Amino acid sequence: MRRGRGRLDRVLGPMLATMVLTGPTPDVAAELKPETIQAWNRYVAATEARIDRELGASHGFLALDFEPGSDAIRQRLLRGELVVSQMDTDNEAGKGIAAAGGTPQQWRGAVFLPGLRLEELLARLQNPSEAGPHQEDVLALKVLAREPDHVSLFIKMTRKAVVRVTYNTFHDARYRRHGSTRASSRSVATKIAELEDPNTPQEREKPEGHDHGFLWRLNSYWRYEEVPGGVIVECESLTLSRSVPWGFGTLLGPVIRGIARESMSRTLNFLRQSKGYA
């Protein structure tokens, strides 16, 4: 019975999510409101404050180092496992940061890249190939600017957020060194434009904040630590999308979380398979 229910959920979940999130017609748009942006900015500020505290700590470096069972997690990584988990950021009072009209999601994943040195990995990440090969959801990549420890990128990408959506995105990535064996980076999407009629002569960008609302904001925070035999790479992904309509959270929550987990796992798997070539 449980096995049959699982198959039913996999079929009905995306169907229900599509009906709820797209509305009665495919062109119904969500609106990114100022109060949602303000809440997002508070969420980002609290997240980055915690990251800065961890990077400045005298013991530990990866985010997982500051949680119980960190030694066991490191051993799992060294054995070749991917470790992915959902996170939450609280305000100074220890309470969750709500975003009226929007849903922030925060995920963390880590992977071990054997046979690499830190400097070699950073050189590859800061000099991505425009020709590819790219991760399967990256349709095109262009380096817009490059300076020491700073890269600006254009990425045309597609995401299956219940329905498949294509975006033009612009990213600003900055790298920091923390000694000879540690580094971190912060990547912020400075523009995310959903495309109408993608990959056709009629392709055009929808107005920012007036689209399906599957991806309004995207920040990524990376940490790289060289250890015997390779480099551990850890990523925190922070996204903002439209809110789930009232009454559908129980049904849609697992579907949305599953999509986010799969996206993080896909990114880390590509990094491992490509040995750090972006």
C-alpha atoms as a PDB file:
ATOM      1  CA  MET A   1       0.000   0.000   0.000  1.00  0.00           C
ATOM      2  CA  ARG A   2       2.806   2.422   0.885  1.00  0.00           C
ATOM      3  CA  ARG A   3       4.609   1.695  -2.373  1.00  0.00           C
ATOM      4  CA  GLY A   4       1.468   2.411  -4.367  1.00  0.00           C
ATOM      5  CA  ARG A   5       0.892   5.646  -2.446  1.00  0.00           C
ATOM      6  CA  GLY A   6       4.432   6.748  -3.289  1.00  0.00           C
ATOM      7  CA  ARG A   7       3.800   6.275  -6.997  1.00  0.00           C
ATOM      8  CA  LEU A   8       0.527   8.171  -6.691  1.00  0.00           C
ATOM      9  CA  ASP A   9       2.261  11.069  -4.929  1.00  0.00           C
ATOM     10  CA  ARG A  10       4.865  11.275  -7.681  1.00  0.00           C
ATOM     11  CA  VAL A  11       2.134  11.533 -10.289  1.00  0.00           C
ATOM     12  CA  LEU A  12      -0.362  13.761  -8.491  1.00  0.00           C
ATOM     13  CA  GLY A  13       2.137  16.017  -6.711  1.00  0.00           C
ATOM     14  CA  PRO A  14       3.493  17.748  -9.837  1.00  0.00           C
ATOM     15  CA  MET A  15       0.016  17.918 -11.374  1.00  0.00           C
ATOM     16  CA  LEU A  16      -1.435  19.602  -8.294  1.00  0.00           C
ATOM     17  CA  ALA A  17       1.550  21.915  -7.918  1.00  0.00           C
ATOM     18  CA  THR A  18       1.249  22.993 -11.538  1.00  0.00           C
ATOM     19  CA  MET A  19      -2.433  23.867 -11.134  1.00  0.00           C
ATOM     20  CA  VAL A  20      -1.864  25.817  -7.918  1.00  0.00           C
ATOM     21  CA  LEU A  21       1.311  27.673  -8.848  1.00  0.00           C
ATOM     22  CA  THR A  22       0.439  28.613 -12.404  1.00  0.00           C
ATOM     23  CA  GLY A  23      -3.199  29.523 -11.740  1.00  0.00           C
ATOM     24  CA  PRO A  24      -6.087  28.980 -14.108  1.00  0.00           C
ATOM     25  CA  THR A  25      -4.063  30.025 -17.153  1.00  0.00           C
ATOM     26  CA  PRO A  26      -0.345  29.651 -17.891  1.00  0.00           C
ATOM     27  CA  ASP A  27       0.094  33.439 -18.102  1.00  0.00           C
ATOM     28  CA  VAL A  28      -1.036  34.272 -14.547  1.00  0.00           C
ATOM     29  CA  ALA A  29       1.896  36.115 -12.979  1.00  0.00           C
ATOM     30  CA  ALA A  30       3.052  36.392  -9.422  1.00  0.00           C
ATOM     31  CA  GLU A  31       4.189  39.773  -8.118  1.00  0.00           C
ATOM     32  CA  LEU A  32       7.346  40.377  -6.142  1.00  0.00           C
ATOM     33  CA  LYS A  33       6.308  43.003  -3.620  1.00  0.00           C
ATOM     34  CA  PRO A  34       8.528  45.498  -1.728  1.00  0.00           C
ATOM     35  CA  GLU A  35       7.752  43.891   1.645  1.00  0.00           C
ATOM     36  CA  THR A  36       8.877  40.527   0.277  1.00  0.00           C
ATOM     37  CA  ILE A  37      12.163  42.044  -0.893  1.00  0.00           C
ATOM     38  CA  GLN A  38      12.674  43.656   2.527  1.00  0.00           C
ATOM     39  CA  ALA A  39      12.109  40.314   4.261  1.00  0.00           C
ATOM     40  CA  TRP A  40      14.529  38.653   1.824  1.00  0.00           C
ATOM     41  CA  ASN A  41      17.172  41.254   2.597  1.00  0.00           C
ATOM     42  CA  ARG A  42      16.749  40.565   6.326  1.00  0.00           C
ATOM     43  CA  TYR A  43      17.095  36.840   5.670  1.00  0.00           C
ATOM     44  CA  VAL A  44      20.264  37.378   3.632  1.00  0.00           C
ATOM     45  CA  ALA A  45      21.770  39.711   6.249  1.00  0.00           C
ATOM     46  CA  ALA A  46      21.161  37.193   9.053  1.00  0.00           C
ATOM     47  CA  THR A  47      22.583  34.345   6.951  1.00  0.00           C
ATOM     48  CA  GLU A  48      25.701  36.279   5.990  1.00  0.00           C
ATOM     49  CA  ALA A  49      26.277  37.404   9.580  1.00  0.00           C
ATOM     50  CA  ARG A  50      26.278  33.759  10.689  1.00  0.00           C
ATOM     51  CA  ILE A  51      28.615  32.791   7.832  1.00  0.00           C
ATOM     52  CA  ASP A  52      31.040  35.602   8.733  1.00  0.00           C
ATOM     53  CA  ARG A  53      31.081  34.437  12.353  1.00  0.00           C
ATOM     54  CA  GLU A  54      31.909  30.910  11.278  1.00  0.00           C
ATOM     55  CA  LEU A  55      34.619  31.985   8.840  1.00  0.00           C
ATOM     56  CA  GLY A  56      36.203  34.076  11.580  1.00  0.00           C
ATOM     57  CA  ALA A  57      36.045  31.382  14.265  1.00  0.00           C
ATOM     58  CA  SER A  58      39.256  29.983  15.714  1.00  0.00           C
ATOM     59  CA  HIS A  59      38.036  26.385  15.324  1.00  0.00           C
ATOM     60  CA  GLY A  60      36.129  24.925  12.382  1.00  0.00           C
ATOM     61  CA  PHE A  61      35.627  26.234   8.863  1.00  0.00           C
ATOM     62  CA  LEU A  62      32.849  24.440   7.022  1.00  0.00           C
ATOM     63  CA  ALA A  63      29.277  25.118   8.140  1.00  0.00           C
ATOM     64  CA  LEU A  64      28.956  21.451   9.078  1.00  0.00           C
ATOM     65  CA  ASP A  65      31.827  21.909  11.565  1.00  0.00           C
ATOM     66  CA  PHE A  66      29.505  23.957  13.757  1.00  0.00           C
ATOM     67  CA  GLU A  67      26.881  21.250  14.089  1.00  0.00           C
ATOM     68  CA  PRO A  68      26.794  18.071  16.202  1.00  0.00           C
ATOM     69  CA  GLY A  69      28.276  15.024  14.503  1.00  0.00           C
ATOM     70  CA  SER A  70      30.583  16.993  12.211  1.00  0.00           C
ATOM     71  CA  ASP A  71      33.366  14.385  12.406  1.00  0.00           C
ATOM     72  CA  ALA A  72      31.001  11.661  11.215  1.00  0.00           C
ATOM     73  CA  ILE A  73      29.790  13.858   8.350  1.00  0.00           C
ATOM     74  CA  ARG A  74      33.365  14.514   7.241  1.00  0.00           C
ATOM     75  CA  GLN A  75      34.022  10.762   7.178  1.00  0.00           C
ATOM     76  CA  ARG A  76      30.946  10.229   5.009  1.00  0.00           C
ATOM     77  CA  LEU A  77      32.220  12.849   2.575  1.00  0.00           C
ATOM     78  CA  LEU A  78      35.654  11.256   2.396  1.00  0.00           C
ATOM     79  CA  ARG A  79      33.983   7.927   1.581  1.00  0.00           C
ATOM     80  CA  GLY A  80      32.406   9.545  -1.459  1.00  0.00           C
ATOM     81  CA  GLU A  81      28.916  10.389  -0.182  1.00  0.00           C
ATOM     82  CA  LEU A  82      27.003  13.523  -1.033  1.00  0.00           C
ATOM     83  CA  VAL A  83      25.618  15.200   2.086  1.00  0.00           C
ATOM     84  CA  VAL A  84      22.578  17.435   1.502  1.00  0.00           C
ATOM     85  CA  SER A  85      20.271  18.979   4.102  1.00  0.00           C
ATOM     86  CA  GLN A  86      17.757  21.793   4.466  1.00  0.00           C
ATOM     87  CA  MET A  87      18.635  24.793   6.624  1.00  0.00           C
ATOM     88  CA  ASP A  88      16.827  27.703   8.271  1.00  0.00           C
ATOM     89  CA  THR A  89      17.983  31.153   9.311  1.00  0.00           C
ATOM     90  CA  ASP A  90      16.546  32.855  12.388  1.00  0.00           C
ATOM     91  CA  ASN A  91      16.636  36.482  13.436  1.00  0.00           C
ATOM     92  CA  GLU A  92      18.484  37.775  16.502  1.00  0.00           C
ATOM     93  CA  ALA A  93      15.600  36.681  18.711  1.00  0.00           C
ATOM     94  CA  GLY A  94      15.898  33.118  17.441  1.00  0.00           C
ATOM     95  CA  LYS A  95      12.664  33.256  15.465  1.00  0.00           C
ATOM     96  CA  GLY A  96      12.101  32.420  11.823  1.00  0.00           C
ATOM     97  CA  ILE A  97      12.146  35.264   9.305  1.00  0.00           C
ATOM     98  CA  ALA A  98       8.842  35.354   7.443  1.00  0.00           C
ATOM     99  CA  ALA A  99       8.563  36.697   3.908  1.00  0.00           C
ATOM    100  CA  ALA A 100       4.999  37.735   3.109  1.00  0.00           C
ATOM    101  CA  GLY A 101       4.273  36.838  -0.497  1.00  0.00           C
ATOM    102  CA  GLY A 102       7.475  34.823  -0.847  1.00  0.00           C
ATOM    103  CA  THR A 103       9.149  31.611   0.246  1.00  0.00           C
ATOM    104  CA  PRO A 104      12.863  31.586   1.069  1.00  0.00           C
ATOM    105  CA  GLN A 105      14.552  28.210   0.840  1.00  0.00           C
ATOM    106  CA  GLN A 106      17.979  27.394   2.173  1.00  0.00           C
ATOM    107  CA  TRP A 107      19.890  24.205   1.441  1.00  0.00           C
ATOM    108  CA  ARG A 108      23.390  23.014   2.191  1.00  0.00           C
ATOM    109  CA  GLY A 109      25.358  20.357   0.392  1.00  0.00           C
ATOM    110  CA  ALA A 110      28.915  19.084   0.475  1.00  0.00           C
ATOM    111  CA  VAL A 111      31.092  16.827  -1.670  1.00  0.00           C
ATOM    112  CA  PHE A 112      34.698  15.596  -1.632  1.00  0.00           C
ATOM    113  CA  LEU A 113      36.762  16.108  -4.794  1.00  0.00           C
ATOM    114  CA  PRO A 114      39.667  13.631  -4.647  1.00  0.00           C
ATOM    115  CA  GLY A 115      43.012  14.287  -6.298  1.00  0.00           C
ATOM    116  CA  LEU A 116      42.688  18.087  -6.412  1.00  0.00           C
ATOM    117  CA  ARG A 117      44.616  20.870  -4.724  1.00  0.00           C
ATOM    118  CA  LEU A 118      42.838  24.036  -3.596  1.00  0.00           C
ATOM    119  CA  GLU A 119      44.709  26.362  -5.970  1.00  0.00           C
ATOM    120  CA  GLU A 120      43.959  24.080  -8.904  1.00  0.00           C
ATOM    121  CA  LEU A 121      40.255  23.999  -8.068  1.00  0.00           C
ATOM    122  CA  LEU A 122      39.995  27.771  -7.630  1.00  0.00           C
ATOM    123  CA  ALA A 123      41.756  28.368 -10.950  1.00  0.00           C
ATOM    124  CA  ARG A 124      39.198  26.174 -12.703  1.00  0.00           C
ATOM    125  CA  LEU A 125      36.209  27.762 -10.986  1.00  0.00           C
ATOM    126  CA  GLN A 126      37.355  31.305 -11.721  1.00  0.00           C
ATOM    127  CA  ASN A 127      38.003  30.524 -15.388  1.00  0.00           C
ATOM    128  CA  PRO A 128      34.870  28.709 -16.548  1.00  0.00           C
ATOM    129  CA  SER A 129      34.719  27.472 -20.123  1.00  0.00           C
ATOM    130  CA  GLU A 130      32.117  29.243 -22.244  1.00  0.00           C
ATOM    131  CA  ALA A 131      32.120  26.277 -24.628  1.00  0.00           C
ATOM    132  CA  GLY A 132      31.290  23.742 -21.927  1.00  0.00           C
ATOM    133  CA  PRO A 133      30.574  21.028 -21.108  1.00  0.00           C
ATOM    134  CA  HIS A 134      28.099  22.577 -18.704  1.00  0.00           C
ATOM    135  CA  GLN A 135      25.725  21.277 -16.093  1.00  0.00           C
ATOM    136  CA  GLU A 136      22.593  19.924 -17.783  1.00  0.00           C
ATOM    137  CA  ASP A 137      20.411  22.899 -16.791  1.00  0.00           C
ATOM    138  CA  VAL A 138      22.908  25.475 -18.157  1.00  0.00           C
ATOM    139  CA  LEU A 139      22.047  26.364 -21.750  1.00  0.00           C
ATOM    140  CA  ALA A 140      24.697  29.052 -22.265  1.00  0.00           C
ATOM    141  CA  LEU A 141      27.473  30.715 -20.269  1.00  0.00           C
ATOM    142  CA  LYS A 142      29.449  33.872 -20.954  1.00  0.00           C
ATOM    143  CA  VAL A 143      32.186  35.520 -18.881  1.00  0.00           C
ATOM    144  CA  LEU A 144      31.344  39.226 -18.698  1.00  0.00           C
ATOM    145  CA  ALA A 145      34.281  40.369 -16.548  1.00  0.00           C
ATOM    146  CA  ARG A 146      37.200  38.781 -14.749  1.00  0.00           C
ATOM    147  CA  GLU A 147      39.522  40.226 -12.140  1.00  0.00           C
ATOM    148  CA  PRO A 148      41.620  38.541  -9.451  1.00  0.00           C
ATOM    149  CA  ASP A 149      39.166  36.630  -7.233  1.00  0.00           C
ATOM    150  CA  HIS A 150      36.152  38.204  -8.992  1.00  0.00           C
ATOM    151  CA  VAL A 151      34.084  36.881 -11.909  1.00  0.00           C
ATOM    152  CA  SER A 152      30.888  38.242 -13.498  1.00  0.00           C
ATOM    153  CA  LEU A 153      28.861  35.754 -15.533  1.00  0.00           C
ATOM    154  CA  PHE A 154      25.822  35.540 -17.774  1.00  0.00           C
ATOM    155  CA  ILE A 155      24.077  32.184 -17.552  1.00  0.00           C
ATOM    156  CA  LYS A 156      21.036  31.131 -19.532  1.00  0.00           C
ATOM    157  CA  MET A 157      19.552  28.283 -17.586  1.00  0.00           C
ATOM    158  CA  THR A 158      16.468  26.142 -17.361  1.00  0.00           C
ATOM    159  CA  ARG A 159      14.901  24.892 -14.157  1.00  0.00           C
ATOM    160  CA  LYS A 160      12.156  22.357 -13.705  1.00  0.00           C
ATOM    161  CA  ALA A 161      10.259  24.093 -10.916  1.00  0.00           C
ATOM    162  CA  VAL A 162       7.200  21.854 -11.274  1.00  0.00           C
ATOM    163  CA  VAL A 163       7.007  23.153 -14.849  1.00  0.00           C
ATOM    164  CA  ARG A 164      10.083  23.878 -16.935  1.00  0.00           C
ATOM    165  CA  VAL A 165      11.105  27.546 -16.945  1.00  0.00           C
ATOM    166  CA  THR A 166      14.040  29.251 -18.691  1.00  0.00           C
ATOM    167  CA  TYR A 167      15.894  32.307 -17.389  1.00  0.00           C
ATOM    168  CA  ASN A 168      18.524  34.848 -18.367  1.00  0.00           C
ATOM    169  CA  THR A 169      20.612  35.341 -15.235  1.00  0.00           C
ATOM    170  CA  PHE A 170      23.584  37.515 -14.284  1.00  0.00           C
ATOM    171  CA  HIS A 171      25.900  36.575 -11.417  1.00  0.00           C
ATOM    172  CA  ASP A 172      28.609  38.315  -9.423  1.00  0.00           C
ATOM    173  CA  ALA A 173      31.048  35.894  -7.735  1.00  0.00           C
ATOM    174  CA  ARG A 174      33.791  36.966  -5.339  1.00  0.00           C
ATOM    175  CA  TYR A 175      36.416  34.716  -3.751  1.00  0.00           C
ATOM    176  CA  ARG A 176      38.298  35.052  -0.451  1.00  0.00           C
ATOM    177  CA  ARG A 177      41.331  33.180   0.854  1.00  0.00           C
ATOM    178  CA  HIS A 178      41.513  31.974   4.437  1.00  0.00           C
ATOM    179  CA  GLY A 179      45.062  30.706   4.620  1.00  0.00           C
ATOM    180  CA  SER A 180      46.808  28.266   2.299  1.00  0.00           C
ATOM    181  CA  THR A 181      44.235  25.459   2.497  1.00  0.00           C
ATOM    182  CA  ARG A 182      40.909  27.297   2.798  1.00  0.00           C
ATOM    183  CA  ALA A 183      38.845  29.645   0.639  1.00  0.00           C
ATOM    184  CA  SER A 184      35.267  30.836   0.308  1.00  0.00           C
ATOM    185  CA  SER A 185      33.124  32.524  -2.314  1.00  0.00           C
ATOM    186  CA  ARG A 186      29.855  34.440  -2.494  1.00  0.00           C
ATOM    187  CA  SER A 187      27.794  34.390  -5.692  1.00  0.00           C
ATOM    188  CA  VAL A 188      24.775  36.689  -6.049  1.00  0.00           C
ATOM    189  CA  ALA A 189      22.363  36.691  -8.970  1.00  0.00           C
ATOM    190  CA  THR A 190      22.125  40.398  -9.806  1.00  0.00           C
ATOM    191  CA  LYS A 191      19.367  39.812 -12.359  1.00  0.00           C
ATOM    192  CA  ILE A 192      16.968  36.916 -12.969  1.00  0.00           C
ATOM    193  CA  ALA A 193      14.634  37.303 -15.952  1.00  0.00           C
ATOM    194  CA  GLU A 194      12.167  34.574 -16.840  1.00  0.00           C
ATOM    195  CA  LEU A 195      11.851  34.059 -20.591  1.00  0.00           C
ATOM    196  CA  GLU A 196       8.667  33.870 -22.596  1.00  0.00           C
ATOM    197  CA  ASP A 197       8.818  31.616 -25.696  1.00  0.00           C
ATOM    198  CA  PRO A 198      12.437  30.629 -24.951  1.00  0.00           C
ATOM    199  CA  ASN A 199      14.700  29.485 -27.778  1.00  0.00           C
ATOM    200  CA  THR A 200      12.361  30.838 -30.460  1.00  0.00           C
ATOM    201  CA  PRO A 201      12.442  34.034 -32.551  1.00  0.00           C
ATOM    202  CA  GLN A 202       9.744  35.386 -30.213  1.00  0.00           C
ATOM    203  CA  GLU A 203      11.874  34.937 -27.071  1.00  0.00           C
ATOM    204  CA  ARG A 204      11.645  37.877 -24.677  1.00  0.00           C
ATOM    205  CA  GLU A 205      12.253  38.618 -21.017  1.00  0.00           C
ATOM    206  CA  LYS A 206       9.277  39.027 -18.724  1.00  0.00           C
ATOM    207  CA  PRO A 207       9.365  42.006 -16.330  1.00  0.00           C
ATOM    208  CA  GLU A 208      11.368  41.120 -13.228  1.00  0.00           C
ATOM    209  CA  GLY A 209       9.087  40.220 -10.351  1.00  0.00           C
ATOM    210  CA  HIS A 210       6.091  39.736 -12.656  1.00  0.00           C
ATOM    211  CA  ASP A 211       6.405  36.146 -13.819  1.00  0.00           C
ATOM    212  CA  HIS A 212       5.621  32.645 -12.572  1.00  0.00           C
ATOM    213  CA  GLY A 213       7.576  33.446  -9.404  1.00  0.00           C
ATOM    214  CA  PHE A 214       9.519  30.184  -9.256  1.00  0.00           C
ATOM    215  CA  LEU A 215      12.889  31.954  -8.895  1.00  0.00           C
ATOM    216  CA  TRP A 216      13.112  35.596  -7.834  1.00  0.00           C
ATOM    217  CA  ARG A 217      16.436  35.612  -5.978  1.00  0.00           C
ATOM    218  CA  LEU A 218      19.456  33.295  -5.798  1.00  0.00           C
ATOM    219  CA  ASN A 219      22.543  33.532  -3.574  1.00  0.00           C
ATOM    220  CA  SER A 220      25.188  30.832  -3.226  1.00  0.00           C
ATOM    221  CA  TYR A 221      27.838  30.654  -0.524  1.00  0.00           C
ATOM    222  CA  TRP A 222      30.735  28.244  -1.044  1.00  0.00           C
ATOM    223  CA  ARG A 223      33.559  27.014   1.150  1.00  0.00           C
ATOM    224  CA  TYR A 224      36.578  25.046  -0.037  1.00  0.00           C
ATOM    225  CA  GLU A 225      38.957  23.189   2.279  1.00  0.00           C
ATOM    226  CA  GLU A 226      41.975  21.222   1.134  1.00  0.00           C
ATOM    227  CA  VAL A 227      42.424  18.018   3.140  1.00  0.00           C
ATOM    228  CA  PRO A 228      44.701  15.015   2.613  1.00  0.00           C
ATOM    229  CA  GLY A 229      43.759  13.523  -0.746  1.00  0.00           C
ATOM    230  CA  GLY A 230      41.638  16.335  -2.157  1.00  0.00           C
ATOM    231  CA  VAL A 231      39.264  19.227  -1.444  1.00  0.00           C
ATOM    232  CA  ILE A 232      35.958  19.295   0.436  1.00  0.00           C
ATOM    233  CA  VAL A 233      33.490  21.669  -1.236  1.00  0.00           C
ATOM    234  CA  GLU A 234      30.453  22.944   0.642  1.00  0.00           C
ATOM    235  CA  CYS A 235      27.631  25.039  -0.813  1.00  0.00           C
ATOM    236  CA  GLU A 236      24.771  26.935   0.822  1.00  0.00           C
ATOM    237  CA  SER A 237      22.041  27.880  -1.629  1.00  0.00           C
ATOM    238  CA  LEU A 238      19.527  30.569  -0.709  1.00  0.00           C
ATOM    239  CA  THR A 239      16.571  31.189  -3.022  1.00  0.00           C
ATOM    240  CA  LEU A 240      13.361  33.198  -3.020  1.00  0.00           C
ATOM    241  CA  SER A 241      10.218  32.137  -4.854  1.00  0.00           C
ATOM    242  CA  ARG A 242       6.508  32.949  -4.666  1.00  0.00           C
ATOM    243  CA  SER A 243       4.580  31.810  -1.615  1.00  0.00           C
ATOM    244  CA  VAL A 244       2.552  28.612  -1.598  1.00  0.00           C
ATOM    245  CA  PRO A 245      -1.195  29.403  -1.532  1.00  0.00           C
ATOM    246  CA  TRP A 246      -2.841  29.013   1.861  1.00  0.00           C
ATOM    247  CA  GLY A 247      -4.061  25.488   2.498  1.00  0.00           C
ATOM    248  CA  PHE A 248      -1.676  23.776   0.069  1.00  0.00           C
ATOM    249  CA  GLY A 249       1.512  23.795   2.178  1.00  0.00           C
ATOM    250  CA  THR A 250       1.081  20.223   3.413  1.00  0.00           C
ATOM    251  CA  LEU A 251       0.598  18.893  -0.117  1.00  0.00           C
ATOM    252  CA  LEU A 252       3.130  21.042  -1.961  1.00  0.00           C
ATOM    253  CA  GLY A 253       5.831  21.308   0.690  1.00  0.00           C
ATOM    254  CA  PRO A 254       7.346  17.851   0.041  1.00  0.00           C
ATOM    255  CA  VAL A 255       7.237  18.415  -3.735  1.00  0.00           C
ATOM    256  CA  ILE A 256       9.046  21.761  -3.485  1.00  0.00           C
ATOM    257  CA  ARG A 257      11.636  20.424  -1.033  1.00  0.00           C
ATOM    258  CA  GLY A 258      12.273  17.450  -3.286  1.00  0.00           C
ATOM    259  CA  ILE A 259      12.968  19.729  -6.251  1.00  0.00           C
ATOM    260  CA  ALA A 260      15.392  21.835  -4.183  1.00  0.00           C
ATOM    261  CA  ARG A 261      17.235  18.777  -2.854  1.00  0.00           C
ATOM    262  CA  GLU A 262      17.558  17.345  -6.352  1.00  0.00           C
ATOM    263  CA  SER A 263      18.932  20.643  -7.662  1.00  0.00           C
ATOM    264  CA  MET A 264      21.634  20.774  -4.977  1.00  0.00           C
ATOM    265  CA  SER A 265      22.586  17.127  -5.540  1.00  0.00           C
ATOM    266  CA  ARG A 266      22.791  17.674  -9.300  1.00  0.00           C
ATOM    267  CA  THR A 267      25.122  20.653  -8.855  1.00  0.00           C
ATOM    268  CA  LEU A 268      27.469  18.788  -6.527  1.00  0.00           C
ATOM    269  CA  ASN A 269      27.474  15.661  -8.694  1.00  0.00           C
ATOM    270  CA  PHE A 270      28.422  17.725 -11.732  1.00  0.00           C
ATOM    271  CA  LEU A 271      31.228  19.378  -9.773  1.00  0.00           C
ATOM    272  CA  ARG A 272      32.558  15.957  -8.773  1.00  0.00           C
ATOM    273  CA  GLN A 273      32.259  14.447 -12.253  1.00  0.00           C
ATOM    274  CA  SER A 274      33.857  17.461 -13.928  1.00  0.00           C
ATOM    275  CA  LYS A 275      36.605  17.680 -11.263  1.00  0.00           C
ATOM    276  CA  GLY A 276      35.875  21.337 -10.650  1.00  0.00           C
ATOM    277  CA  TYR A 277      35.528  22.509 -14.238  1.00  0.00           C
ATOM    278  CA  ALA A 278      32.548  24.896 -14.294  1.00  0.00           C
END
